[in-house]
């Protein structure tokens, strides 16, 4: 698992605490994101594309539902995971 896989999983699990199973349904709309194990929050970012864009698209899915508050929940959920990354490794929605 990559750091971006972990970030995506953590975002979904945190959103799940707030909106329940709808968090997984919304994540399912994100192209390039494959659900592996919903129970533990394991997802994989697929393809040769930029994983940061997939994370940005995931955050946007939640923002469409709940606005800016959803973005803040996402940022807060992964602050420990992104603390060791360089600025250009962090998806723009989490900066």
PDB file of N, CA and C in Angstrom:
ATOM      1  N   UNK A   1       0.838  -1.192   0.000  1.00  0.00           N
ATOM      2  CA  UNK A   1       0.000   0.000   0.000  1.00  0.00           C
ATOM      3  C   UNK A   1       0.877   1.247   0.000  1.00  0.00           C
ATOM      4  N   UNK A   2       0.460   2.192  -0.788  1.00  0.00           N
ATOM      5  CA  UNK A   2       1.187   3.451  -0.843  1.00  0.00           C
ATOM      6  C   UNK A   2       0.615   4.428   0.182  1.00  0.00           C
ATOM      7  N   UNK A   3       1.333   5.497   0.396  1.00  0.00           N
ATOM      8  CA  UNK A   3       0.836   6.544   1.294  1.00  0.00           C
ATOM      9  C   UNK A   3      -0.473   7.110   0.779  1.00  0.00           C
ATOM     10  N   UNK A   4      -0.599   7.288  -0.523  1.00  0.00           N
ATOM     11  CA  UNK A   4      -1.843   7.814  -1.076  1.00  0.00           C
ATOM     12  C   UNK A   4      -3.007   6.837  -0.881  1.00  0.00           C
ATOM     13  N   UNK A   5      -2.743   5.531  -0.935  1.00  0.00           N
ATOM     14  CA  UNK A   5      -3.777   4.541  -0.638  1.00  0.00           C
ATOM     15  C   UNK A   5      -4.263   4.710   0.801  1.00  0.00           C
ATOM     16  N   UNK A   6      -3.307   4.872   1.705  1.00  0.00           N
ATOM     17  CA  UNK A   6      -3.641   5.051   3.123  1.00  0.00           C
ATOM     18  C   UNK A   6      -4.435   6.333   3.352  1.00  0.00           C
ATOM     19  N   UNK A   7      -4.030   7.392   2.666  1.00  0.00           N
ATOM     20  CA  UNK A   7      -4.728   8.679   2.787  1.00  0.00           C
ATOM     21  C   UNK A   7      -6.178   8.527   2.321  1.00  0.00           C
ATOM     22  N   UNK A   8      -6.376   7.901   1.175  1.00  0.00           N
ATOM     23  CA  UNK A   8      -7.738   7.720   0.649  1.00  0.00           C
ATOM     24  C   UNK A   8      -8.584   6.895   1.616  1.00  0.00           C
ATOM     25  N   UNK A   9      -8.030   5.825   2.126  1.00  0.00           N
ATOM     26  CA  UNK A   9      -8.762   4.977   3.072  1.00  0.00           C
ATOM     27  C   UNK A   9      -9.129   5.707   4.343  1.00  0.00           C
ATOM     28  N   UNK A  10      -8.196   6.493   4.847  1.00  0.00           N
ATOM     29  CA  UNK A  10      -8.445   7.256   6.077  1.00  0.00           C
ATOM     30  C   UNK A  10      -9.538   8.304   5.856  1.00  0.00           C
ATOM     31  N   UNK A  11      -9.506   8.960   4.721  1.00  0.00           N
ATOM     32  CA  UNK A  11     -10.538   9.959   4.403  1.00  0.00           C
ATOM     33  C   UNK A  11     -11.917   9.296   4.378  1.00  0.00           C
ATOM     34  N   UNK A  12     -12.021   8.169   3.710  1.00  0.00           N
ATOM     35  CA  UNK A  12     -13.319   7.491   3.606  1.00  0.00           C
ATOM     36  C   UNK A  12     -13.805   7.053   4.979  1.00  0.00           C
ATOM     37  N   UNK A  13     -12.928   6.451   5.776  1.00  0.00           N
ATOM     38  CA  UNK A  13     -13.324   5.988   7.107  1.00  0.00           C
ATOM     39  C   UNK A  13     -13.775   7.153   7.985  1.00  0.00           C
ATOM     40  N   UNK A  14     -13.107   8.276   7.888  1.00  0.00           N
ATOM     41  CA  UNK A  14     -13.491   9.439   8.686  1.00  0.00           C
ATOM     42  C   UNK A  14     -14.847   9.977   8.231  1.00  0.00           C
ATOM     43  N   UNK A  15     -15.052  10.025   6.930  1.00  0.00           N
ATOM     44  CA  UNK A  15     -16.346  10.466   6.415  1.00  0.00           C
ATOM     45  C   UNK A  15     -17.440   9.467   6.806  1.00  0.00           C
ATOM     46  N   UNK A  16     -17.094   8.198   6.865  1.00  0.00           N
ATOM     47  CA  UNK A  16     -18.061   7.172   7.258  1.00  0.00           C
ATOM     48  C   UNK A  16     -18.567   7.404   8.682  1.00  0.00           C
ATOM     49  N   UNK A  17     -17.696   7.901   9.547  1.00  0.00           N
ATOM     50  CA  UNK A  17     -18.120   8.202  10.919  1.00  0.00           C
ATOM     51  C   UNK A  17     -19.203   9.274  10.949  1.00  0.00           C
ATOM     52  N   UNK A  18     -19.190  10.137   9.950  1.00  0.00           N
ATOM     53  CA  UNK A  18     -20.130  11.259   9.903  1.00  0.00           C
ATOM     54  C   UNK A  18     -21.388  10.916   9.110  1.00  0.00           C
ATOM     55  N   UNK A  19     -21.210  10.313   7.936  1.00  0.00           N
ATOM     56  CA  UNK A  19     -22.363  10.107   7.047  1.00  0.00           C
ATOM     57  C   UNK A  19     -22.699   8.634   6.827  1.00  0.00           C
ATOM     58  N   UNK A  20     -22.009   7.744   7.501  1.00  0.00           N
ATOM     59  CA  UNK A  20     -22.314   6.322   7.400  1.00  0.00           C
ATOM     60  C   UNK A  20     -21.922   5.716   6.054  1.00  0.00           C
ATOM     61  N   UNK A  21     -22.661   4.703   5.617  1.00  0.00           N
ATOM     62  CA  UNK A  21     -22.329   3.977   4.384  1.00  0.00           C
ATOM     63  C   UNK A  21     -22.316   4.853   3.128  1.00  0.00           C
ATOM     64  N   UNK A  22     -22.948   6.001   3.195  1.00  0.00           N
ATOM     65  CA  UNK A  22     -22.929   6.924   2.059  1.00  0.00           C
ATOM     66  C   UNK A  22     -21.495   7.320   1.690  1.00  0.00           C
ATOM     67  N   UNK A  23     -20.598   7.300   2.679  1.00  0.00           N
ATOM     68  CA  UNK A  23     -19.194   7.639   2.415  1.00  0.00           C
ATOM     69  C   UNK A  23     -18.592   6.686   1.391  1.00  0.00           C
ATOM     70  N   UNK A  24     -18.910   5.407   1.506  1.00  0.00           N
ATOM     71  CA  UNK A  24     -18.392   4.411   0.565  1.00  0.00           C
ATOM     72  C   UNK A  24     -19.066   4.525  -0.798  1.00  0.00           C
ATOM     73  N   UNK A  25     -20.344   4.840  -0.771  1.00  0.00           N
ATOM     74  CA  UNK A  25     -21.072   5.016  -2.024  1.00  0.00           C
ATOM     75  C   UNK A  25     -20.476   6.168  -2.828  1.00  0.00           C
ATOM     76  N   UNK A  26     -20.208   7.276  -2.156  1.00  0.00           N
ATOM     77  CA  UNK A  26     -19.615   8.441  -2.820  1.00  0.00           C
ATOM     78  C   UNK A  26     -18.204   8.122  -3.318  1.00  0.00           C
ATOM     79  N   UNK A  27     -17.434   7.409  -2.522  1.00  0.00           N
ATOM     80  CA  UNK A  27     -16.074   7.029  -2.927  1.00  0.00           C
ATOM     81  C   UNK A  27     -16.115   6.140  -4.163  1.00  0.00           C
ATOM     82  N   UNK A  28     -17.165   5.363  -4.296  1.00  0.00           N
ATOM     83  CA  UNK A  28     -17.320   4.491  -5.455  1.00  0.00           C
ATOM     84  C   UNK A  28     -17.487   5.250  -6.762  1.00  0.00           C
ATOM     85  N   UNK A  29     -17.818   6.521  -6.685  1.00  0.00           N
ATOM     86  CA  UNK A  29     -17.965   7.346  -7.888  1.00  0.00           C
ATOM     87  C   UNK A  29     -16.625   7.865  -8.412  1.00  0.00           C
ATOM     88  N   UNK A  30     -15.575   7.699  -7.635  1.00  0.00           N
ATOM     89  CA  UNK A  30     -14.263   8.248  -8.004  1.00  0.00           C
ATOM     90  C   UNK A  30     -13.526   7.261  -8.897  1.00  0.00           C
ATOM     91  N   UNK A  31     -13.292   7.681 -10.127  1.00  0.00           N
ATOM     92  CA  UNK A  31     -12.572   6.847 -11.090  1.00  0.00           C
ATOM     93  C   UNK A  31     -11.127   6.659 -10.618  1.00  0.00           C
ATOM     94  N   UNK A  32     -10.661   5.417 -10.660  1.00  0.00           N
ATOM     95  CA  UNK A  32      -9.289   5.112 -10.266  1.00  0.00           C
ATOM     96  C   UNK A  32      -9.135   4.710  -8.809  1.00  0.00           C
ATOM     97  N   UNK A  33     -10.244   4.632  -8.095  1.00  0.00           N
ATOM     98  CA  UNK A  33     -10.215   4.242  -6.683  1.00  0.00           C
ATOM     99  C   UNK A  33     -10.955   2.908  -6.545  1.00  0.00           C
ATOM    100  N   UNK A  34     -10.243   1.889  -6.079  1.00  0.00           N
ATOM    101  CA  UNK A  34     -10.847   0.558  -5.942  1.00  0.00           C
ATOM    102  C   UNK A  34     -10.979   0.195  -4.472  1.00  0.00           C
ATOM    103  N   UNK A  35     -12.185  -0.182  -4.075  1.00  0.00           N
ATOM    104  CA  UNK A  35     -12.447  -0.595  -2.706  1.00  0.00           C
ATOM    105  C   UNK A  35     -11.941  -2.021  -2.513  1.00  0.00           C
ATOM    106  N   UNK A  36     -11.138  -2.240  -1.477  1.00  0.00           N
ATOM    107  CA  UNK A  36     -10.608  -3.571  -1.201  1.00  0.00           C
ATOM    108  C   UNK A  36     -11.317  -4.167   0.013  1.00  0.00           C
ATOM    109  N   UNK A  37     -11.341  -3.411   1.118  1.00  0.00           N
ATOM    110  CA  UNK A  37     -11.958  -3.895   2.353  1.00  0.00           C
ATOM    111  C   UNK A  37     -12.574  -2.716   3.093  1.00  0.00           C
ATOM    112  N   UNK A  38     -13.880  -2.611   3.027  1.00  0.00           N
ATOM    113  CA  UNK A  38     -14.575  -1.490   3.650  1.00  0.00           C
ATOM    114  C   UNK A  38     -14.459  -1.526   5.171  1.00  0.00           C
ATOM    115  N   UNK A  39     -14.380  -2.699   5.733  1.00  0.00           N
ATOM    116  CA  UNK A  39     -14.321  -2.835   7.185  1.00  0.00           C
ATOM    117  C   UNK A  39     -13.097  -2.139   7.777  1.00  0.00           C
ATOM    118  N   UNK A  40     -11.955  -2.301   7.128  1.00  0.00           N
ATOM    119  CA  UNK A  40     -10.721  -1.686   7.637  1.00  0.00           C
ATOM    120  C   UNK A  40     -10.345  -0.413   6.877  1.00  0.00           C
ATOM    121  N   UNK A  41     -11.107  -0.096   5.854  1.00  0.00           N
ATOM    122  CA  UNK A  41     -10.837   1.123   5.094  1.00  0.00           C
ATOM    123  C   UNK A  41      -9.722   0.985   4.089  1.00  0.00           C
ATOM    124  N   UNK A  42      -9.567  -0.202   3.539  1.00  0.00           N
ATOM    125  CA  UNK A  42      -8.491  -0.434   2.573  1.00  0.00           C
ATOM    126  C   UNK A  42      -8.980  -0.162   1.156  1.00  0.00           C
ATOM    127  N   UNK A  43      -8.287   0.755   0.506  1.00  0.00           N
ATOM    128  CA  UNK A  43      -8.565   1.083  -0.890  1.00  0.00           C
ATOM    129  C   UNK A  43      -7.240   1.139  -1.643  1.00  0.00           C
ATOM    130  N   UNK A  44      -7.340   1.026  -2.948  1.00  0.00           N
ATOM    131  CA  UNK A  44      -6.147   1.111  -3.790  1.00  0.00           C
ATOM    132  C   UNK A  44      -6.410   2.133  -4.888  1.00  0.00           C
ATOM    133  N   UNK A  45      -5.437   2.991  -5.082  1.00  0.00           N
ATOM    134  CA  UNK A  45      -5.484   3.935  -6.190  1.00  0.00           C
ATOM    135  C   UNK A  45      -4.889   3.219  -7.388  1.00  0.00           C
ATOM    136  N   UNK A  46      -5.701   3.036  -8.423  1.00  0.00           N
ATOM    137  CA  UNK A  46      -5.299   2.252  -9.583  1.00  0.00           C
ATOM    138  C   UNK A  46      -4.831   3.131 -10.727  1.00  0.00           C
ATOM    139  N   UNK A  47      -4.243   2.463 -11.690  1.00  0.00           N
ATOM    140  CA  UNK A  47      -3.873   3.124 -12.931  1.00  0.00           C
ATOM    141  C   UNK A  47      -2.543   3.830 -12.861  1.00  0.00           C
ATOM    142  N   UNK A  48      -2.189   4.395 -13.989  1.00  0.00           N
ATOM    143  CA  UNK A  48      -0.915   5.086 -14.113  1.00  0.00           C
ATOM    144  C   UNK A  48      -1.056   6.584 -13.910  1.00  0.00           C
ATOM    145  N   UNK A  49      -2.262   7.021 -13.557  1.00  0.00           N
ATOM    146  CA  UNK A  49      -2.513   8.447 -13.374  1.00  0.00           C
ATOM    147  C   UNK A  49      -1.918   8.965 -12.081  1.00  0.00           C
ATOM    148  N   UNK A  50      -2.101  10.228 -11.871  1.00  0.00           N
ATOM    149  CA  UNK A  50      -1.601  10.884 -10.679  1.00  0.00           C
ATOM    150  C   UNK A  50      -2.555  10.606  -9.519  1.00  0.00           C
ATOM    151  N   UNK A  51      -2.072   9.883  -8.533  1.00  0.00           N
ATOM    152  CA  UNK A  51      -2.884   9.541  -7.374  1.00  0.00           C
ATOM    153  C   UNK A  51      -3.374  10.755  -6.617  1.00  0.00           C
ATOM    154  N   UNK A  52      -2.626  11.847  -6.682  1.00  0.00           N
ATOM    155  CA  UNK A  52      -3.048  13.072  -5.996  1.00  0.00           C
ATOM    156  C   UNK A  52      -4.354  13.598  -6.585  1.00  0.00           C
ATOM    157  N   UNK A  53      -4.522  13.445  -7.886  1.00  0.00           N
ATOM    158  CA  UNK A  53      -5.759  13.901  -8.537  1.00  0.00           C
ATOM    159  C   UNK A  53      -6.932  13.025  -8.089  1.00  0.00           C
ATOM    160  N   UNK A  54      -6.688  11.746  -7.936  1.00  0.00           N
ATOM    161  CA  UNK A  54      -7.741  10.846  -7.467  1.00  0.00           C
ATOM    162  C   UNK A  54      -8.161  11.232  -6.050  1.00  0.00           C
ATOM    163  N   UNK A  55      -7.201  11.553  -5.194  1.00  0.00           N
ATOM    164  CA  UNK A  55      -7.521  12.022  -3.834  1.00  0.00           C
ATOM    165  C   UNK A  55      -8.314  13.321  -3.911  1.00  0.00           C
ATOM    166  N   UNK A  56      -7.893  14.241  -4.762  1.00  0.00           N
ATOM    167  CA  UNK A  56      -8.624  15.507  -4.922  1.00  0.00           C
ATOM    168  C   UNK A  56     -10.072  15.239  -5.353  1.00  0.00           C
ATOM    169  N   UNK A  57     -10.259  14.286  -6.261  1.00  0.00           N
ATOM    170  CA  UNK A  57     -11.607  13.945  -6.717  1.00  0.00           C
ATOM    171  C   UNK A  57     -12.442  13.326  -5.594  1.00  0.00           C
ATOM    172  N   UNK A  58     -11.800  12.543  -4.743  1.00  0.00           N
ATOM    173  CA  UNK A  58     -12.481  11.962  -3.590  1.00  0.00           C
ATOM    174  C   UNK A  58     -12.967  13.065  -2.649  1.00  0.00           C
ATOM    175  N   UNK A  59     -12.082  14.000  -2.350  1.00  0.00           N
ATOM    176  CA  UNK A  59     -12.447  15.115  -1.466  1.00  0.00           C
ATOM    177  C   UNK A  59     -13.587  15.921  -2.084  1.00  0.00           C
ATOM    178  N   UNK A  60     -13.536  16.120  -3.402  1.00  0.00           N
ATOM    179  CA  UNK A  60     -14.598  16.873  -4.093  1.00  0.00           C
ATOM    180  C   UNK A  60     -15.948  16.175  -3.972  1.00  0.00           C
ATOM    181  N   UNK A  61     -15.963  14.843  -4.022  1.00  0.00           N
ATOM    182  CA  UNK A  61     -17.219  14.099  -3.857  1.00  0.00           C
ATOM    183  C   UNK A  61     -17.889  14.465  -2.536  1.00  0.00           C
ATOM    184  N   UNK A  62     -17.093  14.544  -1.477  1.00  0.00           N
ATOM    185  CA  UNK A  62     -17.651  14.872  -0.165  1.00  0.00           C
ATOM    186  C   UNK A  62     -18.010  16.353  -0.070  1.00  0.00           C
ATOM    187  N   UNK A  63     -17.217  17.187  -0.727  1.00  0.00           N
ATOM    188  CA  UNK A  63     -17.498  18.623  -0.725  1.00  0.00           C
ATOM    189  C   UNK A  63     -18.827  18.942  -1.402  1.00  0.00           C
ATOM    190  N   UNK A  64     -19.152  18.217  -2.450  1.00  0.00           N
ATOM    191  CA  UNK A  64     -20.416  18.438  -3.152  1.00  0.00           C
ATOM    192  C   UNK A  64     -21.583  18.220  -2.187  1.00  0.00           C
ATOM    193  N   UNK A  65     -21.457  17.240  -1.313  1.00  0.00           N
ATOM    194  CA  UNK A  65     -22.527  16.940  -0.357  1.00  0.00           C
ATOM    195  C   UNK A  65     -22.574  17.921   0.815  1.00  0.00           C
ATOM    196  N   UNK A  66     -21.405  18.241   1.374  1.00  0.00           N
ATOM    197  CA  UNK A  66     -21.372  18.961   2.648  1.00  0.00           C
ATOM    198  C   UNK A  66     -20.549  20.235   2.653  1.00  0.00           C
ATOM    199  N   UNK A  67     -20.089  20.656   1.500  1.00  0.00           N
ATOM    200  CA  UNK A  67     -19.362  21.914   1.419  1.00  0.00           C
ATOM    201  C   UNK A  67     -17.980  21.875   2.057  1.00  0.00           C
ATOM    202  N   UNK A  68     -17.523  23.042   2.402  1.00  0.00           N
ATOM    203  CA  UNK A  68     -16.164  23.221   2.913  1.00  0.00           C
ATOM    204  C   UNK A  68     -15.889  22.399   4.174  1.00  0.00           C
ATOM    205  N   UNK A  69     -16.891  22.169   4.972  1.00  0.00           N
ATOM    206  CA  UNK A  69     -16.699  21.381   6.194  1.00  0.00           C
ATOM    207  C   UNK A  69     -16.162  19.987   5.868  1.00  0.00           C
ATOM    208  N   UNK A  70     -16.620  19.410   4.770  1.00  0.00           N
ATOM    209  CA  UNK A  70     -16.149  18.084   4.367  1.00  0.00           C
ATOM    210  C   UNK A  70     -14.660  18.108   4.060  1.00  0.00           C
ATOM    211  N   UNK A  71     -14.201  19.177   3.417  1.00  0.00           N
ATOM    212  CA  UNK A  71     -12.771  19.307   3.106  1.00  0.00           C
ATOM    213  C   UNK A  71     -11.957  19.374   4.399  1.00  0.00           C
ATOM    214  N   UNK A  72     -12.451  20.112   5.368  1.00  0.00           N
ATOM    215  CA  UNK A  72     -11.734  20.244   6.641  1.00  0.00           C
ATOM    216  C   UNK A  72     -11.675  18.906   7.376  1.00  0.00           C
ATOM    217  N   UNK A  73     -12.757  18.132   7.313  1.00  0.00           N
ATOM    218  CA  UNK A  73     -12.759  16.808   7.920  1.00  0.00           C
ATOM    219  C   UNK A  73     -11.694  15.934   7.259  1.00  0.00           C
ATOM    220  N   UNK A  74     -11.598  16.010   5.940  1.00  0.00           N
ATOM    221  CA  UNK A  74     -10.590  15.235   5.205  1.00  0.00           C
ATOM    222  C   UNK A  74      -9.183  15.639   5.607  1.00  0.00           C
ATOM    223  N   UNK A  75      -8.934  16.930   5.651  1.00  0.00           N
ATOM    224  CA  UNK A  75      -7.595  17.418   6.037  1.00  0.00           C
ATOM    225  C   UNK A  75      -7.226  16.956   7.431  1.00  0.00           C
ATOM    226  N   UNK A  76      -8.170  17.097   8.338  1.00  0.00           N
ATOM    227  CA  UNK A  76      -7.916  16.728   9.724  1.00  0.00           C
ATOM    228  C   UNK A  76      -7.652  15.229   9.857  1.00  0.00           C
ATOM    229  N   UNK A  77      -8.373  14.431   9.087  1.00  0.00           N
ATOM    230  CA  UNK A  77      -8.243  12.972   9.155  1.00  0.00           C
ATOM    231  C   UNK A  77      -6.853  12.487   8.766  1.00  0.00           C
ATOM    232  N   UNK A  78      -6.207  13.202   7.852  1.00  0.00           N
ATOM    233  CA  UNK A  78      -4.931  12.704   7.316  1.00  0.00           C
ATOM    234  C   UNK A  78      -3.725  13.555   7.707  1.00  0.00           C
ATOM    235  N   UNK A  79      -3.893  14.467   8.635  1.00  0.00           N
ATOM    236  CA  UNK A  79      -2.786  15.370   8.964  1.00  0.00           C
ATOM    237  C   UNK A  79      -1.527  14.624   9.379  1.00  0.00           C
ATOM    238  N   UNK A  80      -1.665  13.509  10.075  1.00  0.00           N
ATOM    239  CA  UNK A  80      -0.480  12.740  10.473  1.00  0.00           C
ATOM    240  C   UNK A  80       0.161  12.028   9.282  1.00  0.00           C
ATOM    241  N   UNK A  81      -0.651  11.611   8.325  1.00  0.00           N
ATOM    242  CA  UNK A  81      -0.121  10.911   7.152  1.00  0.00           C
ATOM    243  C   UNK A  81       0.602  11.850   6.194  1.00  0.00           C
ATOM    244  N   UNK A  82       0.155  13.099   6.105  1.00  0.00           N
ATOM    245  CA  UNK A  82       0.784  14.023   5.148  1.00  0.00           C
ATOM    246  C   UNK A  82       1.924  14.827   5.757  1.00  0.00           C
ATOM    247  N   UNK A  83       2.082  14.728   7.069  1.00  0.00           N
ATOM    248  CA  UNK A  83       3.121  15.540   7.719  1.00  0.00           C
ATOM    249  C   UNK A  83       4.531  15.223   7.218  1.00  0.00           C
ATOM    250  N   UNK A  84       4.766  14.003   6.770  1.00  0.00           N
ATOM    251  CA  UNK A  84       6.087  13.626   6.290  1.00  0.00           C
ATOM    252  C   UNK A  84       6.291  13.785   4.794  1.00  0.00           C
ATOM    253  N   UNK A  85       5.268  14.260   4.099  1.00  0.00           N
ATOM    254  CA  UNK A  85       5.362  14.414   2.649  1.00  0.00           C
ATOM    255  C   UNK A  85       5.826  15.819   2.280  1.00  0.00           C
ATOM    256  N   UNK A  86       6.479  15.920   1.130  1.00  0.00           N
ATOM    257  CA  UNK A  86       6.842  17.242   0.629  1.00  0.00           C
ATOM    258  C   UNK A  86       5.592  17.908   0.070  1.00  0.00           C
ATOM    259  N   UNK A  87       5.629  19.214  -0.084  1.00  0.00           N
ATOM    260  CA  UNK A  87       4.457  19.962  -0.535  1.00  0.00           C
ATOM    261  C   UNK A  87       3.946  19.461  -1.887  1.00  0.00           C
ATOM    262  N   UNK A  88       4.845  19.098  -2.812  1.00  0.00           N
ATOM    263  CA  UNK A  88       4.379  18.644  -4.120  1.00  0.00           C
ATOM    264  C   UNK A  88       3.908  17.193  -4.115  1.00  0.00           C
ATOM    265  N   UNK A  89       4.043  16.481  -3.014  1.00  0.00           N
ATOM    266  CA  UNK A  89       3.502  15.133  -2.900  1.00  0.00           C
ATOM    267  C   UNK A  89       2.091  15.135  -2.317  1.00  0.00           C
ATOM    268  N   UNK A  90       1.699  16.256  -1.710  1.00  0.00           N
ATOM    269  CA  UNK A  90       0.392  16.357  -1.050  1.00  0.00           C
ATOM    270  C   UNK A  90      -0.660  16.819  -2.052  1.00  0.00           C
ATOM    271  N   UNK A  91      -1.775  16.082  -2.133  1.00  0.00           N
ATOM    272  CA  UNK A  91      -2.863  16.525  -3.015  1.00  0.00           C
ATOM    273  C   UNK A  91      -3.287  17.951  -2.665  1.00  0.00           C
ATOM    274  N   UNK A  92      -3.601  18.751  -3.672  1.00  0.00           N
ATOM    275  CA  UNK A  92      -3.908  20.165  -3.439  1.00  0.00           C
ATOM    276  C   UNK A  92      -5.101  20.355  -2.517  1.00  0.00           C
ATOM    277  N   UNK A  93      -6.053  19.450  -2.531  1.00  0.00           N
ATOM    278  CA  UNK A  93      -7.232  19.584  -1.671  1.00  0.00           C
ATOM    279  C   UNK A  93      -6.895  19.414  -0.199  1.00  0.00           C
ATOM    280  N   UNK A  94      -5.733  18.879   0.102  1.00  0.00           N
ATOM    281  CA  UNK A  94      -5.336  18.651   1.495  1.00  0.00           C
ATOM    282  C   UNK A  94      -4.290  19.631   1.990  1.00  0.00           C
ATOM    283  N   UNK A  95      -3.886  20.553   1.142  1.00  0.00           N
ATOM    284  CA  UNK A  95      -2.857  21.529   1.546  1.00  0.00           C
ATOM    285  C   UNK A  95      -3.459  22.676   2.313  1.00  0.00           C
TER     286      UNK A  95
END
